[in-house]
Amino acid sequence: MFHALSIALLAAAQPPAACHLIFPVAPDEAAARRIAEAVIAARPHRSRRRYLLHVAPAPDDAAKWQAFESLPPPERASGPGWVYVSSGGGGVAMRIDRCTGEVSGLAYAG
């Protein structure tokens, strides 16, 4: 007999539902990245900050990708008395449907 947790884990591990289109629009990370880059490039008043784009399967929905920007790690400097300060963050975050390429949950933090 399965426990509720085992059933939940099995459900989470299931592949996404079959795509109703001729072929999925964003079947892999590279396609999802291209969609995310196009959405970010189309945003008005693009920040001059340099961000890193991360694309990965959405942990709670096998049918979607999650894409988000983050600040790059600080450059290392050497020597006594150096203090590293990191503040803020920001960037764009979104979900991308593997089948249709639909972008949802688009958010920007400046």
C-alpha atoms as a PDB file:
ATOM      1  CA  MET A   1       0.000   0.000   0.000  1.00  0.00           C
ATOM      2  CA  PHE A   2       1.299   3.443  -0.969  1.00  0.00           C
ATOM      3  CA  HIS A   3       1.489   6.299   1.455  1.00  0.00           C
ATOM      4  CA  ALA A   4       0.162   9.700   0.429  1.00  0.00           C
ATOM      5  CA  LEU A   5       3.727  11.019   0.117  1.00  0.00           C
ATOM      6  CA  SER A   6       4.709   8.164  -2.213  1.00  0.00           C
ATOM      7  CA  ILE A   7       1.717   8.878  -4.432  1.00  0.00           C
ATOM      8  CA  ALA A   8       2.550  12.609  -4.497  1.00  0.00           C
ATOM      9  CA  LEU A   9       6.159  11.842  -5.455  1.00  0.00           C
ATOM     10  CA  LEU A  10       5.054   9.486  -8.219  1.00  0.00           C
ATOM     11  CA  ALA A  11       2.661  12.105  -9.582  1.00  0.00           C
ATOM     12  CA  ALA A  12       5.397  14.761  -9.558  1.00  0.00           C
ATOM     13  CA  ALA A  13       7.751  12.443 -11.457  1.00  0.00           C
ATOM     14  CA  GLN A  14       5.278  11.855 -14.307  1.00  0.00           C
ATOM     15  CA  PRO A  15       6.242  13.339 -17.681  1.00  0.00           C
ATOM     16  CA  PRO A  16       4.181  16.258 -18.969  1.00  0.00           C
ATOM     17  CA  ALA A  17       0.911  15.471 -20.717  1.00  0.00           C
ATOM     18  CA  ALA A  18       1.090  14.892 -24.446  1.00  0.00           C
ATOM     19  CA  CYS A  19       1.133  18.084 -26.479  1.00  0.00           C
ATOM     20  CA  HIS A  20      -1.942  18.704 -28.626  1.00  0.00           C
ATOM     21  CA  LEU A  21       0.077  20.643 -31.234  1.00  0.00           C
ATOM     22  CA  ILE A  22       1.937  19.087 -34.173  1.00  0.00           C
ATOM     23  CA  PHE A  23       5.115  19.480 -32.088  1.00  0.00           C
ATOM     24  CA  PRO A  24       5.871  21.189 -28.762  1.00  0.00           C
ATOM     25  CA  VAL A  25       7.094  24.789 -28.997  1.00  0.00           C
ATOM     26  CA  ALA A  26       9.520  24.566 -26.040  1.00  0.00           C
ATOM     27  CA  PRO A  27      10.427  20.892 -25.651  1.00  0.00           C
ATOM     28  CA  ASP A  28      13.932  21.572 -24.346  1.00  0.00           C
ATOM     29  CA  GLU A  29      15.874  24.105 -22.303  1.00  0.00           C
ATOM     30  CA  ALA A  30      17.406  25.758 -25.383  1.00  0.00           C
ATOM     31  CA  ALA A  31      13.980  26.553 -26.874  1.00  0.00           C
ATOM     32  CA  ALA A  32      12.700  27.863 -23.520  1.00  0.00           C
ATOM     33  CA  ARG A  33      15.827  30.035 -23.213  1.00  0.00           C
ATOM     34  CA  ARG A  34      15.218  31.568 -26.666  1.00  0.00           C
ATOM     35  CA  ILE A  35      11.639  32.418 -25.691  1.00  0.00           C
ATOM     36  CA  ALA A  36      12.774  33.957 -22.386  1.00  0.00           C
ATOM     37  CA  GLU A  37      15.502  35.980 -24.117  1.00  0.00           C
ATOM     38  CA  ALA A  38      12.981  37.334 -26.659  1.00  0.00           C
ATOM     39  CA  VAL A  39      10.555  38.361 -23.902  1.00  0.00           C
ATOM     40  CA  ILE A  40      13.343  40.048 -21.921  1.00  0.00           C
ATOM     41  CA  ALA A  41      14.687  41.854 -25.010  1.00  0.00           C
ATOM     42  CA  ALA A  42      11.221  43.224 -25.815  1.00  0.00           C
ATOM     43  CA  ARG A  43      10.820  44.775 -22.354  1.00  0.00           C
ATOM     44  CA  PRO A  44      10.817  48.578 -22.515  1.00  0.00           C
ATOM     45  CA  HIS A  45      13.436  50.546 -20.592  1.00  0.00           C
ATOM     46  CA  ARG A  46      15.851  47.651 -20.372  1.00  0.00           C
ATOM     47  CA  SER A  47      18.033  47.951 -17.288  1.00  0.00           C
ATOM     48  CA  ARG A  48      21.723  48.541 -17.835  1.00  0.00           C
ATOM     49  CA  ARG A  49      22.501  45.932 -15.190  1.00  0.00           C
ATOM     50  CA  ARG A  50      23.926  42.692 -16.431  1.00  0.00           C
ATOM     51  CA  TYR A  51      21.936  39.637 -15.382  1.00  0.00           C
ATOM     52  CA  LEU A  52      22.399  35.901 -15.756  1.00  0.00           C
ATOM     53  CA  LEU A  53      19.449  33.982 -17.209  1.00  0.00           C
ATOM     54  CA  HIS A  54      18.586  30.646 -15.583  1.00  0.00           C
ATOM     55  CA  VAL A  55      16.184  28.161 -17.223  1.00  0.00           C
ATOM     56  CA  ALA A  56      15.110  24.933 -15.511  1.00  0.00           C
ATOM     57  CA  PRO A  57      12.100  22.638 -15.278  1.00  0.00           C
ATOM     58  CA  ALA A  58       9.447  24.088 -12.976  1.00  0.00           C
ATOM     59  CA  PRO A  59       9.626  22.063  -9.753  1.00  0.00           C
ATOM     60  CA  ASP A  60       5.853  22.032  -9.246  1.00  0.00           C
ATOM     61  CA  ASP A  61       4.648  21.615 -12.849  1.00  0.00           C
ATOM     62  CA  ALA A  62       6.292  19.182 -15.288  1.00  0.00           C
ATOM     63  CA  ALA A  63       4.529  20.904 -18.216  1.00  0.00           C
ATOM     64  CA  LYS A  64       6.411  24.186 -17.707  1.00  0.00           C
ATOM     65  CA  TRP A  65       9.864  25.703 -17.601  1.00  0.00           C
ATOM     66  CA  GLN A  66      10.835  28.417 -15.143  1.00  0.00           C
ATOM     67  CA  ALA A  67      13.145  31.181 -16.299  1.00  0.00           C
ATOM     68  CA  PHE A  68      14.565  33.929 -14.122  1.00  0.00           C
ATOM     69  CA  GLU A  69      17.395  36.431 -14.045  1.00  0.00           C
ATOM     70  CA  SER A  70      19.874  36.916 -11.220  1.00  0.00           C
ATOM     71  CA  LEU A  71      22.862  39.143 -10.611  1.00  0.00           C
ATOM     72  CA  PRO A  72      26.221  37.576 -11.428  1.00  0.00           C
ATOM     73  CA  PRO A  73      28.406  36.606  -8.497  1.00  0.00           C
ATOM     74  CA  PRO A  74      30.691  39.407  -7.300  1.00  0.00           C
ATOM     75  CA  GLU A  75      34.208  39.518  -8.654  1.00  0.00           C
ATOM     76  CA  ARG A  76      36.747  38.368  -6.133  1.00  0.00           C
ATOM     77  CA  ALA A  77      39.358  40.867  -4.992  1.00  0.00           C
ATOM     78  CA  SER A  78      42.256  39.971  -2.817  1.00  0.00           C
ATOM     79  CA  GLY A  79      43.947  41.739  -0.006  1.00  0.00           C
ATOM     80  CA  PRO A  80      43.390  42.542   3.637  1.00  0.00           C
ATOM     81  CA  GLY A  81      40.528  44.849   4.502  1.00  0.00           C
ATOM     82  CA  TRP A  82      38.332  44.042   1.493  1.00  0.00           C
ATOM     83  CA  VAL A  83      34.629  43.954   2.234  1.00  0.00           C
ATOM     84  CA  TYR A  84      32.113  42.344  -0.128  1.00  0.00           C
ATOM     85  CA  VAL A  85      28.670  43.915  -0.259  1.00  0.00           C
ATOM     86  CA  SER A  86      25.790  42.517  -2.247  1.00  0.00           C
ATOM     87  CA  SER A  87      22.393  44.152  -2.307  1.00  0.00           C
ATOM     88  CA  GLY A  88      19.290  44.047  -4.379  1.00  0.00           C
ATOM     89  CA  GLY A  89      18.870  41.671  -7.207  1.00  0.00           C
ATOM     90  CA  GLY A  90      15.974  42.026  -9.535  1.00  0.00           C
ATOM     91  CA  GLY A  91      15.475  40.874 -13.051  1.00  0.00           C
ATOM     92  CA  VAL A  92      12.668  39.183 -14.936  1.00  0.00           C
ATOM     93  CA  ALA A  93      11.030  35.874 -14.012  1.00  0.00           C
ATOM     94  CA  MET A  94       8.465  33.836 -15.956  1.00  0.00           C
ATOM     95  CA  ARG A  95       7.007  30.401 -16.643  1.00  0.00           C
ATOM     96  CA  ILE A  96       7.029  28.927 -20.158  1.00  0.00           C
ATOM     97  CA  ASP A  97       4.648  26.159 -21.235  1.00  0.00           C
ATOM     98  CA  ARG A  98       6.537  23.297 -22.885  1.00  0.00           C
ATOM     99  CA  CYS A  99       3.726  22.560 -25.367  1.00  0.00           C
ATOM    100  CA  THR A 100       2.473  25.985 -26.466  1.00  0.00           C
ATOM    101  CA  GLY A 101       5.344  28.278 -25.468  1.00  0.00           C
ATOM    102  CA  GLU A 102       2.864  30.422 -23.538  1.00  0.00           C
ATOM    103  CA  VAL A 103       4.547  32.788 -21.087  1.00  0.00           C
ATOM    104  CA  SER A 104       2.801  33.183 -17.739  1.00  0.00           C
ATOM    105  CA  GLY A 105       3.592  34.591 -14.329  1.00  0.00           C
ATOM    106  CA  LEU A 106       5.775  37.308 -15.847  1.00  0.00           C
ATOM    107  CA  ALA A 107       7.280  39.456 -13.105  1.00  0.00           C
ATOM    108  CA  TYR A 108       9.998  42.076 -12.840  1.00  0.00           C
ATOM    109  CA  ALA A 109      11.824  43.159  -9.720  1.00  0.00           C
ATOM    110  CA  GLY A 110      14.044  46.203 -10.092  1.00  0.00           C
END
